[in-house]
Structures are given as structure tokens and as C-alpha cells.
Amino acid sequence: MSTRVRTTALTAILALALALAGGATTAQAALSPQDQTSYIQVVNDVMCVVCHEPLAVAQSPEAFQERDYIRQLIAQGKTRKQIEDDLVTQYGPAVLARPPAHGVNLLVYIVPPLVLIAGLVTLAIFIPRWRRRARQSDAEQSTRPAATLDPTDAQRLNDDLGRFA
């Protein structure tokens, strides 16, 4: 097993153990199960602002500080959205793993599906044309008389083939 995989697995196990060991605070207990924020969810959706890796696997001192800050926010009973807003306030928009869907960043969410749709439409238009041309070409070749060789060329071909037989 590679060192990176081992480190990732150990970090995930450590994060899970810390999340379970933290227990529910009174603020979290008041929230419904749908509203409770999971440490794992938040850590997987944010980045380490120093090493630019997902916070779940980052090993820099700043990553440990970010994770502690997230634990504090969860202990305060904040929702996932509130935690992400606090992280953006604290560390800037680079902390989010996914760019916000407004402004120029909106292109990240719009362009790939548009390119996919344009490609599918292009294929839907051109594949029937290509198939039609191929059928017409096959039909033309089947109706075309076979090419005949000049007697001199035929003799030369027979001589060449005779040498290899």
C-alpha cells in the first residue's frame, strides 16, 4: 500500500474517531437529525488554504488549525452553511472545494453540460449523414464495373506473382 493511501486512510479513521469521540453537544441535540452538521461532510467539502489539498487529507499545521476551527463551529451547533460562511470569512473563498455558483465561477457549472449537449447534437446530426454517404459509396462501388487491366500490366502482374509462388 502506498504512503499516500495509508496517510489518507489513517486521516479518515482519525477524523471519524474524533467525530465520534466529540459526541453531541446540547446545541446539536436540539437540532433535528437533518440539520446536524457532520464533521466528515464539512472536512470533505473544504480545502487546506496552504497546501491546496482537501482538508480531509491535508497534513500541514494550518490544516490541523482549520479542522480544530471546524470542530469548534460544530460544537456551537452551527449548520453546514453557517460553517462554510464562517470558513470563507476566516480563510477566504479558496477554502471551498467547489467554487461558488455566481459570477465567472458560474461558467464551471454551465460550460461542461453545454459542451456535452453540443457534442451529442452534433453526433445526432452527422452520424446519419455519414452512414448515408457510406451506403451510397457502397452502392456506387457495387454497380461500377470491375476495372480491367491492360494486357501488358496483366502479364507483368502474373510474372511478379509467379516469382513468389
N, C-alpha and C. Protein backbone atom coordinates (compact mmCIF):
# COMPACT_ATOMS: atom_id res chain seq x y z
N MET A 1 0.86 -1.17 0.00
CA MET A 1 0.00 0.00 0.00
C MET A 1 0.91 1.23 0.00
N SER A 2 0.59 2.23 -0.83
CA SER A 2 1.43 3.40 -0.92
C SER A 2 1.29 4.26 0.32
N THR A 3 2.28 5.12 0.51
CA THR A 3 2.29 6.00 1.68
C THR A 3 1.11 6.96 1.65
N ARG A 4 0.78 7.46 0.47
CA ARG A 4 -0.33 8.42 0.35
C ARG A 4 -1.66 7.76 0.71
N VAL A 5 -1.86 6.54 0.24
CA VAL A 5 -3.10 5.83 0.55
C VAL A 5 -3.17 5.54 2.04
N ARG A 6 -2.05 5.13 2.62
CA ARG A 6 -2.00 4.84 4.04
C ARG A 6 -2.30 6.11 4.85
N THR A 7 -1.71 7.23 4.42
CA THR A 7 -1.94 8.50 5.12
C THR A 7 -3.40 8.91 5.01
N THR A 8 -3.97 8.75 3.83
CA THR A 8 -5.38 9.10 3.63
C THR A 8 -6.28 8.22 4.50
N ALA A 9 -6.00 6.94 4.54
CA ALA A 9 -6.80 6.03 5.35
C ALA A 9 -6.68 6.36 6.83
N LEU A 10 -5.46 6.63 7.29
CA LEU A 10 -5.27 6.97 8.70
C LEU A 10 -5.97 8.29 9.05
N THR A 11 -5.90 9.25 8.13
CA THR A 11 -6.56 10.53 8.38
C THR A 11 -8.07 10.35 8.45
N ALA A 12 -8.63 9.55 7.56
CA ALA A 12 -10.07 9.31 7.57
C ALA A 12 -10.49 8.61 8.87
N ILE A 13 -9.71 7.63 9.30
CA ILE A 13 -10.03 6.92 10.54
C ILE A 13 -9.92 7.87 11.72
N LEU A 14 -8.87 8.70 11.74
CA LEU A 14 -8.70 9.66 12.82
C LEU A 14 -9.86 10.66 12.84
N ALA A 15 -10.25 11.14 11.67
CA ALA A 15 -11.36 12.10 11.59
C ALA A 15 -12.65 11.46 12.09
N LEU A 16 -12.89 10.22 11.70
CA LEU A 16 -14.09 9.53 12.15
C LEU A 16 -14.06 9.32 13.67
N ALA A 17 -12.90 8.93 14.18
CA ALA A 17 -12.77 8.72 15.63
C ALA A 17 -12.99 10.03 16.39
N LEU A 18 -12.44 11.11 15.86
CA LEU A 18 -12.63 12.41 16.52
C LEU A 18 -14.09 12.84 16.47
N ALA A 19 -14.74 12.59 15.34
CA ALA A 19 -16.15 12.97 15.22
C ALA A 19 -17.00 12.16 16.20
N LEU A 20 -16.70 10.88 16.33
CA LEU A 20 -17.46 10.04 17.26
C LEU A 20 -17.13 10.37 18.71
N ALA A 21 -15.86 10.69 18.99
CA ALA A 21 -15.45 10.98 20.36
C ALA A 21 -16.00 12.33 20.83
N GLY A 22 -16.21 13.23 19.88
CA GLY A 22 -16.71 14.56 20.24
C GLY A 22 -18.08 14.49 20.86
N GLY A 23 -18.89 13.56 20.42
CA GLY A 23 -20.24 13.41 20.97
C GLY A 23 -21.13 14.57 20.57
N ALA A 24 -22.36 14.50 20.98
CA ALA A 24 -23.32 15.55 20.66
C ALA A 24 -23.35 16.55 21.80
N THR A 25 -23.28 17.81 21.45
CA THR A 25 -23.41 18.85 22.47
C THR A 25 -24.89 19.17 22.63
N THR A 26 -25.19 19.98 23.62
CA THR A 26 -26.60 20.32 23.84
C THR A 26 -27.16 21.11 22.68
N ALA A 27 -26.33 21.92 22.03
CA ALA A 27 -26.82 22.69 20.88
C ALA A 27 -27.14 21.75 19.73
N GLN A 28 -26.31 20.74 19.52
CA GLN A 28 -26.56 19.80 18.43
C GLN A 28 -27.75 18.91 18.77
N ALA A 29 -27.91 18.57 20.01
CA ALA A 29 -29.00 17.69 20.40
C ALA A 29 -30.35 18.35 20.13
N ALA A 30 -30.38 19.69 20.17
CA ALA A 30 -31.63 20.40 19.91
C ALA A 30 -31.98 20.39 18.43
N LEU A 31 -30.99 20.18 17.55
CA LEU A 31 -31.24 20.16 16.12
C LEU A 31 -31.83 18.82 15.70
N SER A 32 -32.61 18.86 14.65
CA SER A 32 -33.12 17.60 14.12
C SER A 32 -31.98 16.87 13.43
N PRO A 33 -32.09 15.57 13.19
CA PRO A 33 -31.00 14.82 12.55
C PRO A 33 -30.64 15.37 11.17
N GLN A 34 -31.60 15.95 10.45
CA GLN A 34 -31.30 16.50 9.14
C GLN A 34 -30.47 17.78 9.24
N ASP A 35 -30.64 18.52 10.33
CA ASP A 35 -29.94 19.79 10.50
C ASP A 35 -28.56 19.64 11.10
N GLN A 36 -28.28 18.51 11.76
CA GLN A 36 -26.99 18.34 12.40
C GLN A 36 -25.89 18.27 11.36
N THR A 37 -24.79 18.94 11.68
CA THR A 37 -23.67 19.02 10.77
C THR A 37 -22.68 17.92 11.08
N SER A 38 -22.28 17.21 10.07
CA SER A 38 -21.30 16.15 10.23
C SER A 38 -19.90 16.70 9.97
N TYR A 39 -18.99 16.38 10.85
CA TYR A 39 -17.59 16.81 10.70
C TYR A 39 -17.03 16.30 9.38
N ILE A 40 -17.33 15.05 9.06
CA ILE A 40 -16.81 14.43 7.84
C ILE A 40 -17.32 15.16 6.60
N GLN A 41 -18.60 15.53 6.59
CA GLN A 41 -19.16 16.26 5.45
C GLN A 41 -18.44 17.58 5.23
N VAL A 42 -18.23 18.31 6.30
CA VAL A 42 -17.60 19.62 6.17
C VAL A 42 -16.15 19.47 5.74
N VAL A 43 -15.41 18.56 6.36
CA VAL A 43 -13.99 18.39 6.05
C VAL A 43 -13.80 17.94 4.61
N ASN A 44 -14.72 17.14 4.09
CA ASN A 44 -14.59 16.69 2.70
C ASN A 44 -14.93 17.78 1.69
N ASP A 45 -15.64 18.83 2.12
CA ASP A 45 -16.05 19.88 1.19
C ASP A 45 -15.21 21.14 1.26
N VAL A 46 -14.16 21.15 2.08
CA VAL A 46 -13.30 22.33 2.17
C VAL A 46 -11.86 21.92 1.90
N MET A 47 -11.04 22.94 1.61
CA MET A 47 -9.65 22.73 1.25
C MET A 47 -8.74 23.34 2.30
N CYS A 48 -7.53 22.84 2.37
CA CYS A 48 -6.49 23.48 3.17
C CYS A 48 -6.01 24.68 2.36
N VAL A 49 -6.03 25.85 2.94
CA VAL A 49 -5.68 27.05 2.19
C VAL A 49 -4.19 27.17 1.94
N VAL A 50 -3.37 26.40 2.62
CA VAL A 50 -1.92 26.46 2.43
C VAL A 50 -1.45 25.44 1.41
N CYS A 51 -1.83 24.18 1.60
CA CYS A 51 -1.33 23.13 0.70
C CYS A 51 -2.28 22.82 -0.45
N HIS A 52 -3.46 23.42 -0.49
CA HIS A 52 -4.43 23.27 -1.58
C HIS A 52 -4.82 21.81 -1.82
N GLU A 53 -4.95 21.07 -0.74
CA GLU A 53 -5.45 19.70 -0.78
C GLU A 53 -6.76 19.66 -0.01
N PRO A 54 -7.58 18.63 -0.25
CA PRO A 54 -8.79 18.50 0.57
C PRO A 54 -8.40 18.44 2.04
N LEU A 55 -9.15 19.11 2.86
CA LEU A 55 -8.82 19.21 4.29
C LEU A 55 -8.81 17.84 4.95
N ALA A 56 -9.57 16.91 4.42
CA ALA A 56 -9.64 15.56 5.00
C ALA A 56 -8.29 14.85 4.93
N VAL A 57 -7.45 15.19 3.97
CA VAL A 57 -6.17 14.50 3.81
C VAL A 57 -4.96 15.40 4.05
N ALA A 58 -5.16 16.70 4.17
CA ALA A 58 -4.05 17.64 4.35
C ALA A 58 -3.36 17.39 5.69
N GLN A 59 -2.04 17.54 5.71
CA GLN A 59 -1.26 17.26 6.92
C GLN A 59 -0.46 18.46 7.41
N SER A 60 -0.72 19.65 6.89
CA SER A 60 0.03 20.83 7.32
C SER A 60 -0.49 21.32 8.67
N PRO A 61 0.30 22.09 9.38
CA PRO A 61 -0.16 22.65 10.67
C PRO A 61 -1.42 23.51 10.49
N GLU A 62 -1.50 24.22 9.38
CA GLU A 62 -2.68 25.04 9.12
C GLU A 62 -3.93 24.18 8.94
N ALA A 63 -3.76 22.99 8.34
CA ALA A 63 -4.89 22.07 8.16
C ALA A 63 -5.42 21.61 9.52
N PHE A 64 -4.51 21.35 10.46
CA PHE A 64 -4.95 20.96 11.80
C PHE A 64 -5.70 22.11 12.47
N GLN A 65 -5.24 23.34 12.24
CA GLN A 65 -5.94 24.50 12.80
C GLN A 65 -7.33 24.64 12.20
N GLU A 66 -7.43 24.46 10.88
CA GLU A 66 -8.74 24.54 10.23
C GLU A 66 -9.68 23.48 10.78
N ARG A 67 -9.19 22.26 10.94
CA ARG A 67 -10.04 21.19 11.46
C ARG A 67 -10.49 21.50 12.89
N ASP A 68 -9.60 22.06 13.71
CA ASP A 68 -9.99 22.45 15.07
C ASP A 68 -11.06 23.53 15.04
N TYR A 69 -10.90 24.49 14.13
CA TYR A 69 -11.88 25.57 14.00
C TYR A 69 -13.24 25.00 13.60
N ILE A 70 -13.24 24.02 12.69
CA ILE A 70 -14.49 23.38 12.27
C ILE A 70 -15.13 22.65 13.44
N ARG A 71 -14.34 21.95 14.23
CA ARG A 71 -14.88 21.25 15.41
C ARG A 71 -15.53 22.24 16.37
N GLN A 72 -14.90 23.40 16.55
CA GLN A 72 -15.47 24.41 17.44
C GLN A 72 -16.82 24.90 16.91
N LEU A 73 -16.89 25.13 15.59
CA LEU A 73 -18.14 25.61 14.99
C LEU A 73 -19.24 24.56 15.11
N ILE A 74 -18.89 23.29 14.92
CA ILE A 74 -19.87 22.22 15.06
C ILE A 74 -20.34 22.14 16.52
N ALA A 75 -19.40 22.31 17.46
CA ALA A 75 -19.75 22.26 18.88
C ALA A 75 -20.71 23.40 19.25
N GLN A 76 -20.62 24.51 18.51
CA GLN A 76 -21.51 25.64 18.74
C GLN A 76 -22.90 25.38 18.15
N GLY A 77 -23.05 24.29 17.41
CA GLY A 77 -24.34 23.93 16.84
C GLY A 77 -24.65 24.61 15.52
N LYS A 78 -23.64 25.07 14.82
CA LYS A 78 -23.87 25.76 13.55
C LYS A 78 -24.19 24.76 12.44
N THR A 79 -24.97 25.23 11.48
CA THR A 79 -25.31 24.39 10.33
C THR A 79 -24.14 24.37 9.35
N ARG A 80 -24.22 23.49 8.40
CA ARG A 80 -23.16 23.35 7.40
C ARG A 80 -22.95 24.67 6.64
N LYS A 81 -24.02 25.30 6.25
CA LYS A 81 -23.94 26.56 5.51
C LYS A 81 -23.29 27.64 6.37
N GLN A 82 -23.67 27.72 7.65
CA GLN A 82 -23.07 28.71 8.55
C GLN A 82 -21.57 28.43 8.73
N ILE A 83 -21.21 27.17 8.82
CA ILE A 83 -19.80 26.81 8.97
C ILE A 83 -19.02 27.21 7.72
N GLU A 84 -19.58 26.92 6.54
CA GLU A 84 -18.89 27.30 5.30
C GLU A 84 -18.76 28.82 5.21
N ASP A 85 -19.79 29.55 5.60
CA ASP A 85 -19.71 31.02 5.59
C ASP A 85 -18.63 31.52 6.55
N ASP A 86 -18.57 30.92 7.73
CA ASP A 86 -17.53 31.31 8.70
C ASP A 86 -16.14 30.99 8.16
N LEU A 87 -15.99 29.84 7.51
CA LEU A 87 -14.70 29.48 6.94
C LEU A 87 -14.28 30.45 5.84
N VAL A 88 -15.23 30.85 4.99
CA VAL A 88 -14.93 31.82 3.94
C VAL A 88 -14.53 33.15 4.57
N THR A 89 -15.22 33.55 5.63
CA THR A 89 -14.87 34.79 6.32
C THR A 89 -13.47 34.69 6.93
N GLN A 90 -13.17 33.55 7.52
CA GLN A 90 -11.89 33.36 8.19
C GLN A 90 -10.73 33.17 7.21
N TYR A 91 -10.92 32.35 6.18
CA TYR A 91 -9.81 31.95 5.30
C TYR A 91 -9.94 32.44 3.86
N GLY A 92 -11.06 32.95 3.47
CA GLY A 92 -11.27 33.41 2.09
C GLY A 92 -11.97 32.35 1.26
N PRO A 93 -12.41 32.70 0.04
CA PRO A 93 -13.18 31.77 -0.79
C PRO A 93 -12.37 30.55 -1.27
N ALA A 94 -11.04 30.61 -1.17
CA ALA A 94 -10.21 29.48 -1.60
C ALA A 94 -10.39 28.26 -0.71
N VAL A 95 -11.03 28.44 0.45
CA VAL A 95 -11.23 27.33 1.38
C VAL A 95 -12.29 26.35 0.87
N LEU A 96 -13.18 26.81 0.00
CA LEU A 96 -14.26 25.94 -0.51
C LEU A 96 -13.72 25.04 -1.62
N ALA A 97 -14.07 23.76 -1.56
CA ALA A 97 -13.63 22.82 -2.60
C ALA A 97 -14.34 23.08 -3.92
N ARG A 98 -15.59 23.51 -3.83
CA ARG A 98 -16.36 23.86 -5.02
C ARG A 98 -16.50 25.37 -5.08
N PRO A 99 -16.22 25.98 -6.25
CA PRO A 99 -16.37 27.43 -6.33
C PRO A 99 -17.83 27.83 -6.21
N PRO A 100 -18.11 29.02 -5.67
CA PRO A 100 -19.49 29.47 -5.56
C PRO A 100 -20.10 29.64 -6.95
N ALA A 101 -21.38 29.36 -7.08
CA ALA A 101 -22.05 29.36 -8.38
C ALA A 101 -22.58 30.74 -8.72
N HIS A 102 -21.71 31.72 -8.80
CA HIS A 102 -22.11 33.04 -9.28
C HIS A 102 -20.89 33.72 -9.90
N GLY A 103 -21.15 34.72 -10.72
CA GLY A 103 -20.07 35.42 -11.40
C GLY A 103 -19.41 34.53 -12.43
N VAL A 104 -18.11 34.71 -12.59
CA VAL A 104 -17.34 33.92 -13.57
C VAL A 104 -17.34 32.45 -13.19
N ASN A 105 -17.37 32.14 -11.90
CA ASN A 105 -17.38 30.75 -11.45
C ASN A 105 -18.60 29.99 -11.93
N LEU A 106 -19.64 30.69 -12.29
CA LEU A 106 -20.85 30.04 -12.80
C LEU A 106 -20.54 29.27 -14.09
N LEU A 107 -19.54 29.72 -14.83
CA LEU A 107 -19.14 29.03 -16.06
C LEU A 107 -18.71 27.59 -15.79
N VAL A 108 -18.13 27.35 -14.63
CA VAL A 108 -17.68 25.99 -14.28
C VAL A 108 -18.86 25.03 -14.25
N TYR A 109 -20.03 25.54 -13.90
CA TYR A 109 -21.21 24.69 -13.80
C TYR A 109 -22.01 24.67 -15.09
N ILE A 110 -21.85 25.65 -15.96
CA ILE A 110 -22.67 25.75 -17.16
C ILE A 110 -21.96 25.18 -18.39
N VAL A 111 -20.67 25.49 -18.57
CA VAL A 111 -19.97 25.13 -19.80
C VAL A 111 -19.88 23.61 -20.02
N PRO A 112 -19.46 22.79 -19.06
CA PRO A 112 -19.36 21.35 -19.35
C PRO A 112 -20.66 20.71 -19.83
N PRO A 113 -21.81 20.97 -19.19
CA PRO A 113 -23.04 20.38 -19.73
C PRO A 113 -23.38 20.91 -21.13
N LEU A 114 -23.10 22.18 -21.38
CA LEU A 114 -23.37 22.73 -22.72
C LEU A 114 -22.49 22.07 -23.78
N VAL A 115 -21.23 21.85 -23.45
CA VAL A 115 -20.32 21.18 -24.40
C VAL A 115 -20.80 19.76 -24.65
N LEU A 116 -21.22 19.06 -23.61
CA LEU A 116 -21.74 17.71 -23.76
C LEU A 116 -22.98 17.68 -24.64
N ILE A 117 -23.90 18.59 -24.39
CA ILE A 117 -25.13 18.66 -25.20
C ILE A 117 -24.79 18.99 -26.65
N ALA A 118 -23.88 19.95 -26.86
CA ALA A 118 -23.49 20.32 -28.23
C ALA A 118 -22.85 19.13 -28.95
N GLY A 119 -22.04 18.36 -28.23
CA GLY A 119 -21.43 17.18 -28.84
C GLY A 119 -22.46 16.13 -29.22
N LEU A 120 -23.44 15.91 -28.34
CA LEU A 120 -24.49 14.93 -28.65
C LEU A 120 -25.35 15.37 -29.83
N VAL A 121 -25.67 16.67 -29.88
CA VAL A 121 -26.45 17.19 -31.01
C VAL A 121 -25.66 17.05 -32.30
N THR A 122 -24.37 17.37 -32.24
CA THR A 122 -23.52 17.24 -33.43
C THR A 122 -23.49 15.79 -33.91
N LEU A 123 -23.32 14.85 -33.00
CA LEU A 123 -23.32 13.44 -33.39
C LEU A 123 -24.67 13.02 -33.95
N ALA A 124 -25.76 13.50 -33.35
CA ALA A 124 -27.09 13.15 -33.82
C ALA A 124 -27.34 13.66 -35.23
N ILE A 125 -26.71 14.77 -35.58
CA ILE A 125 -26.87 15.32 -36.93
C ILE A 125 -25.96 14.63 -37.92
N PHE A 126 -24.69 14.44 -37.57
CA PHE A 126 -23.71 13.97 -38.54
C PHE A 126 -23.65 12.46 -38.71
N ILE A 127 -23.96 11.67 -37.71
CA ILE A 127 -23.89 10.21 -37.86
C ILE A 127 -24.83 9.72 -38.95
N PRO A 128 -26.09 10.15 -39.01
CA PRO A 128 -26.94 9.70 -40.12
C PRO A 128 -26.38 10.12 -41.49
N ARG A 129 -25.81 11.31 -41.57
CA ARG A 129 -25.22 11.75 -42.85
C ARG A 129 -24.06 10.86 -43.25
N TRP A 130 -23.18 10.55 -42.28
CA TRP A 130 -22.03 9.69 -42.58
C TRP A 130 -22.48 8.30 -43.01
N ARG A 131 -23.50 7.76 -42.34
CA ARG A 131 -24.00 6.43 -42.71
C ARG A 131 -24.61 6.45 -44.10
N ARG A 132 -25.36 7.53 -44.42
CA ARG A 132 -25.97 7.65 -45.73
C ARG A 132 -24.90 7.71 -46.82
N ARG A 133 -23.84 8.50 -46.59
CA ARG A 133 -22.74 8.59 -47.56
C ARG A 133 -22.05 7.25 -47.74
N ALA A 134 -21.86 6.52 -46.64
CA ALA A 134 -21.20 5.22 -46.73
C ALA A 134 -22.05 4.24 -47.54
N ARG A 135 -23.38 4.27 -47.32
CA ARG A 135 -24.26 3.39 -48.11
C ARG A 135 -24.24 3.76 -49.58
N GLN A 136 -24.25 5.06 -49.88
CA GLN A 136 -24.20 5.50 -51.27
C GLN A 136 -22.88 5.09 -51.92
N SER A 137 -21.79 5.22 -51.19
CA SER A 137 -20.48 4.84 -51.71
C SER A 137 -20.43 3.34 -51.98
N ASP A 138 -20.99 2.53 -51.07
CA ASP A 138 -21.03 1.08 -51.27
C ASP A 138 -21.88 0.73 -52.50
N ALA A 139 -23.00 1.43 -52.64
CA ALA A 139 -23.88 1.16 -53.77
C ALA A 139 -23.20 1.53 -55.08
N GLU A 140 -22.48 2.63 -55.11
CA GLU A 140 -21.77 3.05 -56.33
C GLU A 140 -20.68 2.05 -56.69
N GLN A 141 -19.98 1.54 -55.70
CA GLN A 141 -18.91 0.59 -55.99
C GLN A 141 -19.46 -0.75 -56.45
N SER A 142 -20.64 -1.14 -55.96
CA SER A 142 -21.19 -2.42 -56.38
C SER A 142 -21.76 -2.33 -57.79
N THR A 143 -22.20 -1.15 -58.23
CA THR A 143 -22.74 -1.01 -59.59
C THR A 143 -21.67 -0.67 -60.60
N ARG A 144 -20.51 -0.25 -60.17
CA ARG A 144 -19.41 0.10 -61.07
C ARG A 144 -18.80 -1.18 -61.63
N PRO A 145 -18.55 -1.22 -62.92
CA PRO A 145 -17.92 -2.43 -63.49
C PRO A 145 -16.51 -2.60 -62.94
N ALA A 146 -16.10 -3.86 -62.86
CA ALA A 146 -14.77 -4.15 -62.36
C ALA A 146 -13.74 -3.57 -63.32
N ALA A 147 -12.68 -3.05 -62.78
CA ALA A 147 -11.63 -2.45 -63.60
C ALA A 147 -10.88 -3.57 -64.32
N THR A 148 -10.61 -3.34 -65.59
CA THR A 148 -9.85 -4.33 -66.36
C THR A 148 -8.43 -3.83 -66.53
N LEU A 149 -7.52 -4.77 -66.54
CA LEU A 149 -6.11 -4.42 -66.67
C LEU A 149 -5.71 -4.43 -68.14
N ASP A 150 -4.80 -3.58 -68.43
CA ASP A 150 -4.18 -3.57 -69.76
C ASP A 150 -3.44 -4.91 -69.90
N PRO A 151 -3.47 -5.54 -71.03
CA PRO A 151 -2.81 -6.85 -71.18
C PRO A 151 -1.33 -6.83 -70.78
N THR A 152 -0.66 -5.73 -71.03
CA THR A 152 0.75 -5.65 -70.64
C THR A 152 0.89 -5.66 -69.12
N ASP A 153 0.02 -4.89 -68.45
CA ASP A 153 0.06 -4.87 -66.99
C ASP A 153 -0.33 -6.22 -66.40
N ALA A 154 -1.31 -6.88 -67.01
CA ALA A 154 -1.73 -8.20 -66.53
C ALA A 154 -0.59 -9.20 -66.64
N GLN A 155 0.16 -9.16 -67.75
CA GLN A 155 1.29 -10.07 -67.94
C GLN A 155 2.36 -9.80 -66.89
N ARG A 156 2.65 -8.52 -66.64
CA ARG A 156 3.66 -8.15 -65.65
C ARG A 156 3.23 -8.60 -64.25
N LEU A 157 1.96 -8.46 -63.91
CA LEU A 157 1.44 -8.89 -62.62
C LEU A 157 1.57 -10.41 -62.48
N ASN A 158 1.21 -11.14 -63.51
CA ASN A 158 1.34 -12.60 -63.45
C ASN A 158 2.80 -13.04 -63.29
N ASP A 159 3.71 -12.34 -63.97
CA ASP A 159 5.13 -12.67 -63.82
C ASP A 159 5.62 -12.42 -62.40
N ASP A 160 5.21 -11.26 -61.83
CA ASP A 160 5.61 -10.93 -60.46
C ASP A 160 5.04 -11.94 -59.46
N LEU A 161 3.78 -12.30 -59.62
CA LEU A 161 3.16 -13.26 -58.72
C LEU A 161 3.78 -14.65 -58.88
N GLY A 162 4.19 -14.97 -60.09
CA GLY A 162 4.81 -16.27 -60.33
C GLY A 162 6.12 -16.42 -59.60
N ARG A 163 6.84 -15.34 -59.44
CA ARG A 163 8.12 -15.40 -58.72
C ARG A 163 7.93 -15.73 -57.25
N PHE A 164 6.79 -15.37 -56.66
CA PHE A 164 6.55 -15.60 -55.23
C PHE A 164 5.87 -16.93 -54.95
N ALA A 165 5.35 -17.57 -55.96
CA ALA A 165 4.61 -18.81 -55.73
C ALA A 165 5.50 -20.01 -55.62
